[in-house]
Amino acid sequence: MSTLVLHDVPDELTAALQASAERNHRSKEKEALHLLAASVGAAPVDWNEFFDRPRRQFPKDYADEIRKAGR
C-alpha cells in the first residue's frame, strides 16, 4: 500500500470532495480513494470492508506473501 499526500489542492476542490463524501456517506479519505480508483479504471472496491477489516484477517495466501517478503 502506498501513501498518497495531496497538497496545494484548491479550496473549491476540497469543498467538492467534502460534499461528495457527505452525499455518499463516506469519509473524505474513502471518497478520495473511490475517485482515484474510478479514474484509473480499477475494479470497484468496497472501501468500508477494506478499512473495517483488521489486518490479521487478510486471506492466508496474502499474509504468507507478506511474511515471505519480510514485511
PDB file of N, CA and C in Angstrom:
ATOM      1  N   MET A   1       0.848  -1.162   0.000  1.00  0.00           N
ATOM      2  CA  MET A   1       0.000   0.000   0.000  1.00  0.00           C
ATOM      3  C   MET A   1       0.897   1.229   0.000  1.00  0.00           C
ATOM      4  N   SER A   2       0.460   2.248  -0.684  1.00  0.00           N
ATOM      5  CA  SER A   2       1.225   3.476  -0.775  1.00  0.00           C
ATOM      6  C   SER A   2       0.533   4.577   0.000  1.00  0.00           C
ATOM      7  N   THR A   3       1.307   5.589   0.339  1.00  0.00           N
ATOM      8  CA  THR A   3       0.763   6.768   0.989  1.00  0.00           C
ATOM      9  C   THR A   3       0.566   7.838  -0.059  1.00  0.00           C
ATOM     10  N   LEU A   4      -0.600   8.405  -0.102  1.00  0.00           N
ATOM     11  CA  LEU A   4      -0.923   9.462  -1.046  1.00  0.00           C
ATOM     12  C   LEU A   4      -1.026  10.759  -0.266  1.00  0.00           C
ATOM     13  N   VAL A   5      -0.211  11.719  -0.629  1.00  0.00           N
ATOM     14  CA  VAL A   5      -0.221  13.016   0.041  1.00  0.00           C
ATOM     15  C   VAL A   5      -0.623  14.067  -0.978  1.00  0.00           C
ATOM     16  N   LEU A   6      -1.651  14.794  -0.662  1.00  0.00           N
ATOM     17  CA  LEU A   6      -2.113  15.866  -1.537  1.00  0.00           C
ATOM     18  C   LEU A   6      -1.790  17.199  -0.889  1.00  0.00           C
ATOM     19  N   HIS A   7      -1.246  18.076  -1.686  1.00  0.00           N
ATOM     20  CA  HIS A   7      -1.001  19.421  -1.181  1.00  0.00           C
ATOM     21  C   HIS A   7      -1.322  20.393  -2.301  1.00  0.00           C
ATOM     22  N   ASP A   8      -1.478  21.624  -1.962  1.00  0.00           N
ATOM     23  CA  ASP A   8      -1.824  22.675  -2.920  1.00  0.00           C
ATOM     24  C   ASP A   8      -3.130  22.369  -3.648  1.00  0.00           C
ATOM     25  N   VAL A   9      -4.066  21.746  -2.947  1.00  0.00           N
ATOM     26  CA  VAL A   9      -5.375  21.477  -3.516  1.00  0.00           C
ATOM     27  C   VAL A   9      -6.233  22.713  -3.274  1.00  0.00           C
ATOM     28  N   PRO A  10      -6.776  23.282  -4.353  1.00  0.00           N
ATOM     29  CA  PRO A  10      -7.598  24.482  -4.184  1.00  0.00           C
ATOM     30  C   PRO A  10      -8.783  24.229  -3.244  1.00  0.00           C
ATOM     31  N   ASP A  11      -9.180  25.260  -2.537  1.00  0.00           N
ATOM     32  CA  ASP A  11     -10.289  25.141  -1.587  1.00  0.00           C
ATOM     33  C   ASP A  11     -11.567  24.646  -2.256  1.00  0.00           C
ATOM     34  N   GLU A  12     -11.790  25.052  -3.529  1.00  0.00           N
ATOM     35  CA  GLU A  12     -13.019  24.627  -4.222  1.00  0.00           C
ATOM     36  C   GLU A  12     -13.037  23.103  -4.384  1.00  0.00           C
ATOM     37  N   LEU A  13     -11.875  22.511  -4.705  1.00  0.00           N
ATOM     38  CA  LEU A  13     -11.813  21.059  -4.869  1.00  0.00           C
ATOM     39  C   LEU A  13     -11.957  20.345  -3.533  1.00  0.00           C
ATOM     40  N   THR A  14     -11.379  20.910  -2.501  1.00  0.00           N
ATOM     41  CA  THR A  14     -11.515  20.318  -1.170  1.00  0.00           C
ATOM     42  C   THR A  14     -12.976  20.345  -0.738  1.00  0.00           C
ATOM     43  N   ALA A  15     -13.648  21.456  -1.004  1.00  0.00           N
ATOM     44  CA  ALA A  15     -15.068  21.573  -0.659  1.00  0.00           C
ATOM     45  C   ALA A  15     -15.904  20.594  -1.484  1.00  0.00           C
ATOM     46  N   ALA A  16     -15.568  20.435  -2.757  1.00  0.00           N
ATOM     47  CA  ALA A  16     -16.299  19.492  -3.611  1.00  0.00           C
ATOM     48  C   ALA A  16     -16.097  18.059  -3.133  1.00  0.00           C
ATOM     49  N   LEU A  17     -14.872  17.729  -2.718  1.00  0.00           N
ATOM     50  CA  LEU A  17     -14.595  16.390  -2.195  1.00  0.00           C
ATOM     51  C   LEU A  17     -15.399  16.146  -0.918  1.00  0.00           C
ATOM     52  N   GLN A  18     -15.433  17.131  -0.044  1.00  0.00           N
ATOM     53  CA  GLN A  18     -16.188  17.001   1.202  1.00  0.00           C
ATOM     54  C   GLN A  18     -17.676  16.815   0.913  1.00  0.00           C
ATOM     55  N   ALA A  19     -18.215  17.587  -0.022  1.00  0.00           N
ATOM     56  CA  ALA A  19     -19.636  17.479  -0.372  1.00  0.00           C
ATOM     57  C   ALA A  19     -19.946  16.105  -0.967  1.00  0.00           C
ATOM     58  N   SER A  20     -19.061  15.626  -1.835  1.00  0.00           N
ATOM     59  CA  SER A  20     -19.248  14.309  -2.442  1.00  0.00           C
ATOM     60  C   SER A  20     -19.196  13.217  -1.382  1.00  0.00           C
ATOM     61  N   ALA A  21     -18.264  13.342  -0.453  1.00  0.00           N
ATOM     62  CA  ALA A  21     -18.138  12.359   0.623  1.00  0.00           C
ATOM     63  C   ALA A  21     -19.400  12.326   1.473  1.00  0.00           C
ATOM     64  N   GLU A  22     -19.938  13.498   1.785  1.00  0.00           N
ATOM     65  CA  GLU A  22     -21.158  13.549   2.596  1.00  0.00           C
ATOM     66  C   GLU A  22     -22.341  12.936   1.852  1.00  0.00           C
ATOM     67  N   ARG A  23     -22.457  13.216   0.551  1.00  0.00           N
ATOM     68  CA  ARG A  23     -23.553  12.644  -0.246  1.00  0.00           C
ATOM     69  C   ARG A  23     -23.481  11.122  -0.281  1.00  0.00           C
ATOM     70  N   ASN A  24     -22.252  10.591  -0.327  1.00  0.00           N
ATOM     71  CA  ASN A  24     -22.055   9.145  -0.431  1.00  0.00           C
ATOM     72  C   ASN A  24     -21.832   8.472   0.917  1.00  0.00           C
ATOM     73  N   HIS A  25     -21.967   9.235   1.998  1.00  0.00           N
ATOM     74  CA  HIS A  25     -21.816   8.709   3.364  1.00  0.00           C
ATOM     75  C   HIS A  25     -20.454   8.044   3.560  1.00  0.00           C
ATOM     76  N   ARG A  26     -19.401   8.739   3.110  1.00  0.00           N
ATOM     77  CA  ARG A  26     -18.024   8.253   3.282  1.00  0.00           C
ATOM     78  C   ARG A  26     -17.192   9.348   3.931  1.00  0.00           C
ATOM     79  N   SER A  27     -16.039   8.967   4.449  1.00  0.00           N
ATOM     80  CA  SER A  27     -15.086   9.963   4.907  1.00  0.00           C
ATOM     81  C   SER A  27     -14.417  10.572   3.671  1.00  0.00           C
ATOM     82  N   LYS A  28     -13.760  11.711   3.854  1.00  0.00           N
ATOM     83  CA  LYS A  28     -13.057  12.318   2.715  1.00  0.00           C
ATOM     84  C   LYS A  28     -11.983  11.375   2.189  1.00  0.00           C
ATOM     85  N   GLU A  29     -11.327  10.638   3.081  1.00  0.00           N
ATOM     86  CA  GLU A  29     -10.270   9.724   2.659  1.00  0.00           C
ATOM     87  C   GLU A  29     -10.835   8.603   1.790  1.00  0.00           C
ATOM     88  N   LYS A  30     -11.949   8.016   2.239  1.00  0.00           N
ATOM     89  CA  LYS A  30     -12.561   6.931   1.466  1.00  0.00           C
ATOM     90  C   LYS A  30     -13.076   7.453   0.127  1.00  0.00           C
ATOM     91  N   GLU A  31     -13.618   8.662   0.127  1.00  0.00           N
ATOM     92  CA  GLU A  31     -14.125   9.246  -1.116  1.00  0.00           C
ATOM     93  C   GLU A  31     -12.976   9.496  -2.093  1.00  0.00           C
ATOM     94  N   ALA A  32     -11.849   9.992  -1.593  1.00  0.00           N
ATOM     95  CA  ALA A  32     -10.687  10.240  -2.456  1.00  0.00           C
ATOM     96  C   ALA A  32     -10.187   8.923  -3.057  1.00  0.00           C
ATOM     97  N   LEU A  33     -10.141   7.859  -2.266  1.00  0.00           N
ATOM     98  CA  LEU A  33      -9.717   6.552  -2.777  1.00  0.00           C
ATOM     99  C   LEU A  33     -10.696   6.029  -3.822  1.00  0.00           C
ATOM    100  N   HIS A  34     -11.983   6.216  -3.573  1.00  0.00           N
ATOM    101  CA  HIS A  34     -13.003   5.773  -4.520  1.00  0.00           C
ATOM    102  C   HIS A  34     -12.846   6.521  -5.849  1.00  0.00           C
ATOM    103  N   LEU A  35     -12.656   7.819  -5.793  1.00  0.00           N
ATOM    104  CA  LEU A  35     -12.495   8.619  -7.012  1.00  0.00           C
ATOM    105  C   LEU A  35     -11.205   8.260  -7.743  1.00  0.00           C
ATOM    106  N   LEU A  36     -10.143   8.023  -7.003  1.00  0.00           N
ATOM    107  CA  LEU A  36      -8.880   7.631  -7.626  1.00  0.00           C
ATOM    108  C   LEU A  36      -9.030   6.294  -8.337  1.00  0.00           C
ATOM    109  N   ALA A  37      -9.650   5.327  -7.681  1.00  0.00           N
ATOM    110  CA  ALA A  37      -9.851   4.013  -8.300  1.00  0.00           C
ATOM    111  C   ALA A  37     -10.711   4.132  -9.552  1.00  0.00           C
ATOM    112  N   ALA A  38     -11.755   4.935  -9.484  1.00  0.00           N
ATOM    113  CA  ALA A  38     -12.628   5.116 -10.646  1.00  0.00           C
ATOM    114  C   ALA A  38     -11.890   5.809 -11.789  1.00  0.00           C
ATOM    115  N   SER A  39     -11.005   6.733 -11.470  1.00  0.00           N
ATOM    116  CA  SER A  39     -10.317   7.489 -12.519  1.00  0.00           C
ATOM    117  C   SER A  39      -9.299   6.646 -13.279  1.00  0.00           C
ATOM    118  N   VAL A  40      -8.780   5.612 -12.652  1.00  0.00           N
ATOM    119  CA  VAL A  40      -7.806   4.757 -13.340  1.00  0.00           C
ATOM    120  C   VAL A  40      -8.444   3.470 -13.848  1.00  0.00           C
ATOM    121  N   GLY A  41      -9.758   3.371 -13.710  1.00  0.00           N
ATOM    122  CA  GLY A  41     -10.472   2.216 -14.230  1.00  0.00           C
ATOM    123  C   GLY A  41     -10.309   0.960 -13.408  1.00  0.00           C
ATOM    124  N   ALA A  42      -9.997   1.121 -12.142  1.00  0.00           N
ATOM    125  CA  ALA A  42      -9.843  -0.043 -11.266  1.00  0.00           C
ATOM    126  C   ALA A  42     -11.212  -0.653 -10.970  1.00  0.00           C
ATOM    127  N   ALA A  43     -11.209  -1.915 -10.635  1.00  0.00           N
ATOM    128  CA  ALA A  43     -12.450  -2.593 -10.268  1.00  0.00           C
ATOM    129  C   ALA A  43     -13.006  -1.937  -9.012  1.00  0.00           C
ATOM    130  N   PRO A  44     -14.320  -1.857  -8.901  1.00  0.00           N
ATOM    131  CA  PRO A  44     -14.917  -1.264  -7.699  1.00  0.00           C
ATOM    132  C   PRO A  44     -14.457  -2.001  -6.440  1.00  0.00           C
ATOM    133  N   VAL A  45     -14.192  -1.235  -5.407  1.00  0.00           N
ATOM    134  CA  VAL A  45     -13.729  -1.797  -4.144  1.00  0.00           C
ATOM    135  C   VAL A  45     -14.695  -1.362  -3.058  1.00  0.00           C
ATOM    136  N   ASP A  46     -15.048  -2.268  -2.187  1.00  0.00           N
ATOM    137  CA  ASP A  46     -15.876  -1.907  -1.045  1.00  0.00           C
ATOM    138  C   ASP A  46     -14.936  -1.348   0.023  1.00  0.00           C
ATOM    139  N   TRP A  47     -14.753  -0.040   0.005  1.00  0.00           N
ATOM    140  CA  TRP A  47     -13.781   0.590   0.914  1.00  0.00           C
ATOM    141  C   TRP A  47     -14.188   0.429   2.363  1.00  0.00           C
ATOM    142  N   ASN A  48     -15.499   0.352   2.638  1.00  0.00           N
ATOM    143  CA  ASN A  48     -15.920   0.132   4.026  1.00  0.00           C
ATOM    144  C   ASN A  48     -15.386  -1.199   4.525  1.00  0.00           C
ATOM    145  N   GLU A  49     -15.501  -2.235   3.694  1.00  0.00           N
ATOM    146  CA  GLU A  49     -14.982  -3.544   4.073  1.00  0.00           C
ATOM    147  C   GLU A  49     -13.464  -3.486   4.226  1.00  0.00           C
ATOM    148  N   PHE A  50     -12.801  -2.796   3.299  1.00  0.00           N
ATOM    149  CA  PHE A  50     -11.345  -2.709   3.330  1.00  0.00           C
ATOM    150  C   PHE A  50     -10.854  -2.046   4.606  1.00  0.00           C
ATOM    151  N   PHE A  51     -11.456  -0.912   4.974  1.00  0.00           N
ATOM    152  CA  PHE A  51     -10.983  -0.180   6.144  1.00  0.00           C
ATOM    153  C   PHE A  51     -11.413  -0.817   7.455  1.00  0.00           C
ATOM    154  N   ASP A  52     -12.566  -1.499   7.449  1.00  0.00           N
ATOM    155  CA  ASP A  52     -13.068  -2.082   8.688  1.00  0.00           C
ATOM    156  C   ASP A  52     -12.444  -3.425   9.014  1.00  0.00           C
ATOM    157  N   ARG A  53     -11.811  -4.065   8.021  1.00  0.00           N
ATOM    158  CA  ARG A  53     -11.247  -5.400   8.224  1.00  0.00           C
ATOM    159  C   ARG A  53      -9.888  -5.287   8.930  1.00  0.00           C
ATOM    160  N   PRO A  54      -9.738  -5.918  10.075  1.00  0.00           N
ATOM    161  CA  PRO A  54      -8.426  -5.900  10.728  1.00  0.00           C
ATOM    162  C   PRO A  54      -7.373  -6.561   9.838  1.00  0.00           C
ATOM    163  N   ARG A  55      -6.151  -6.102   9.917  1.00  0.00           N
ATOM    164  CA  ARG A  55      -5.083  -6.637   9.075  1.00  0.00           C
ATOM    165  C   ARG A  55      -4.907  -8.143   9.254  1.00  0.00           C
ATOM    166  N   ARG A  56      -5.146  -8.645  10.439  1.00  0.00           N
ATOM    167  CA  ARG A  56      -4.928 -10.074  10.676  1.00  0.00           C
ATOM    168  C   ARG A  56      -5.954 -10.938   9.946  1.00  0.00           C
ATOM    169  N   GLN A  57      -6.975 -10.320   9.354  1.00  0.00           N
ATOM    170  CA  GLN A  57      -7.991 -11.097   8.656  1.00  0.00           C
ATOM    171  C   GLN A  57      -7.788 -11.123   7.145  1.00  0.00           C
ATOM    172  N   PHE A  58      -6.641 -10.656   6.649  1.00  0.00           N
ATOM    173  CA  PHE A  58      -6.374 -10.777   5.223  1.00  0.00           C
ATOM    174  C   PHE A  58      -6.319 -12.258   4.866  1.00  0.00           C
ATOM    175  N   PRO A  59      -6.636 -12.595   3.644  1.00  0.00           N
ATOM    176  CA  PRO A  59      -6.573 -14.008   3.235  1.00  0.00           C
ATOM    177  C   PRO A  59      -5.199 -14.606   3.548  1.00  0.00           C
ATOM    178  N   LYS A  60      -5.171 -15.853   3.906  1.00  0.00           N
ATOM    179  CA  LYS A  60      -3.944 -16.515   4.338  1.00  0.00           C
ATOM    180  C   LYS A  60      -2.844 -16.419   3.290  1.00  0.00           C
ATOM    181  N   ASP A  61      -3.185 -16.608   2.017  1.00  0.00           N
ATOM    182  CA  ASP A  61      -2.135 -16.566   0.999  1.00  0.00           C
ATOM    183  C   ASP A  61      -1.496 -15.184   0.933  1.00  0.00           C
ATOM    184  N   TYR A  62      -2.274 -14.125   1.174  1.00  0.00           N
ATOM    185  CA  TYR A  62      -1.724 -12.772   1.172  1.00  0.00           C
ATOM    186  C   TYR A  62      -0.821 -12.571   2.385  1.00  0.00           C
ATOM    187  N   ALA A  63      -1.257 -13.064   3.546  1.00  0.00           N
ATOM    188  CA  ALA A  63      -0.451 -12.945   4.760  1.00  0.00           C
ATOM    189  C   ALA A  63       0.869 -13.692   4.587  1.00  0.00           C
ATOM    190  N   ASP A  64       0.829 -14.890   3.971  1.00  0.00           N
ATOM    191  CA  ASP A  64       2.051 -15.657   3.731  1.00  0.00           C
ATOM    192  C   ASP A  64       2.985 -14.905   2.788  1.00  0.00           C
ATOM    193  N   GLU A  65       2.399 -14.249   1.791  1.00  0.00           N
ATOM    194  CA  GLU A  65       3.200 -13.487   0.842  1.00  0.00           C
ATOM    195  C   GLU A  65       3.930 -12.345   1.540  1.00  0.00           C
ATOM    196  N   ILE A  66       3.254 -11.683   2.468  1.00  0.00           N
ATOM    197  CA  ILE A  66       3.877 -10.589   3.223  1.00  0.00           C
ATOM    198  C   ILE A  66       5.004 -11.138   4.084  1.00  0.00           C
ATOM    199  N   ARG A  67       4.747 -12.270   4.766  1.00  0.00           N
ATOM    200  CA  ARG A  67       5.775 -12.866   5.613  1.00  0.00           C
ATOM    201  C   ARG A  67       7.007 -13.240   4.796  1.00  0.00           C
ATOM    202  N   LYS A  68       6.792 -13.814   3.621  1.00  0.00           N
ATOM    203  CA  LYS A  68       7.912 -14.215   2.768  1.00  0.00           C
ATOM    204  C   LYS A  68       8.712 -13.005   2.303  1.00  0.00           C
ATOM    205  N   ALA A  69       8.043 -11.878   2.127  1.00  0.00           N
ATOM    206  CA  ALA A  69       8.725 -10.663   1.682  1.00  0.00           C
ATOM    207  C   ALA A  69       9.468  -9.999   2.839  1.00  0.00           C
ATOM    208  N   GLY A  70       9.246 -10.476   4.075  1.00  0.00           N
ATOM    209  CA  GLY A  70       9.948  -9.936   5.230  1.00  0.00           C
ATOM    210  C   GLY A  70       9.362  -8.652   5.747  1.00  0.00           C
ATOM    211  N   ARG A  71       8.087  -8.451   5.511  1.00  0.00           N
ATOM    212  CA  ARG A  71       7.439  -7.209   5.987  1.00  0.00           C
ATOM    213  C   ARG A  71       6.712  -7.462   7.264  1.00  0.00           C
TER     214      ARG A  71
END
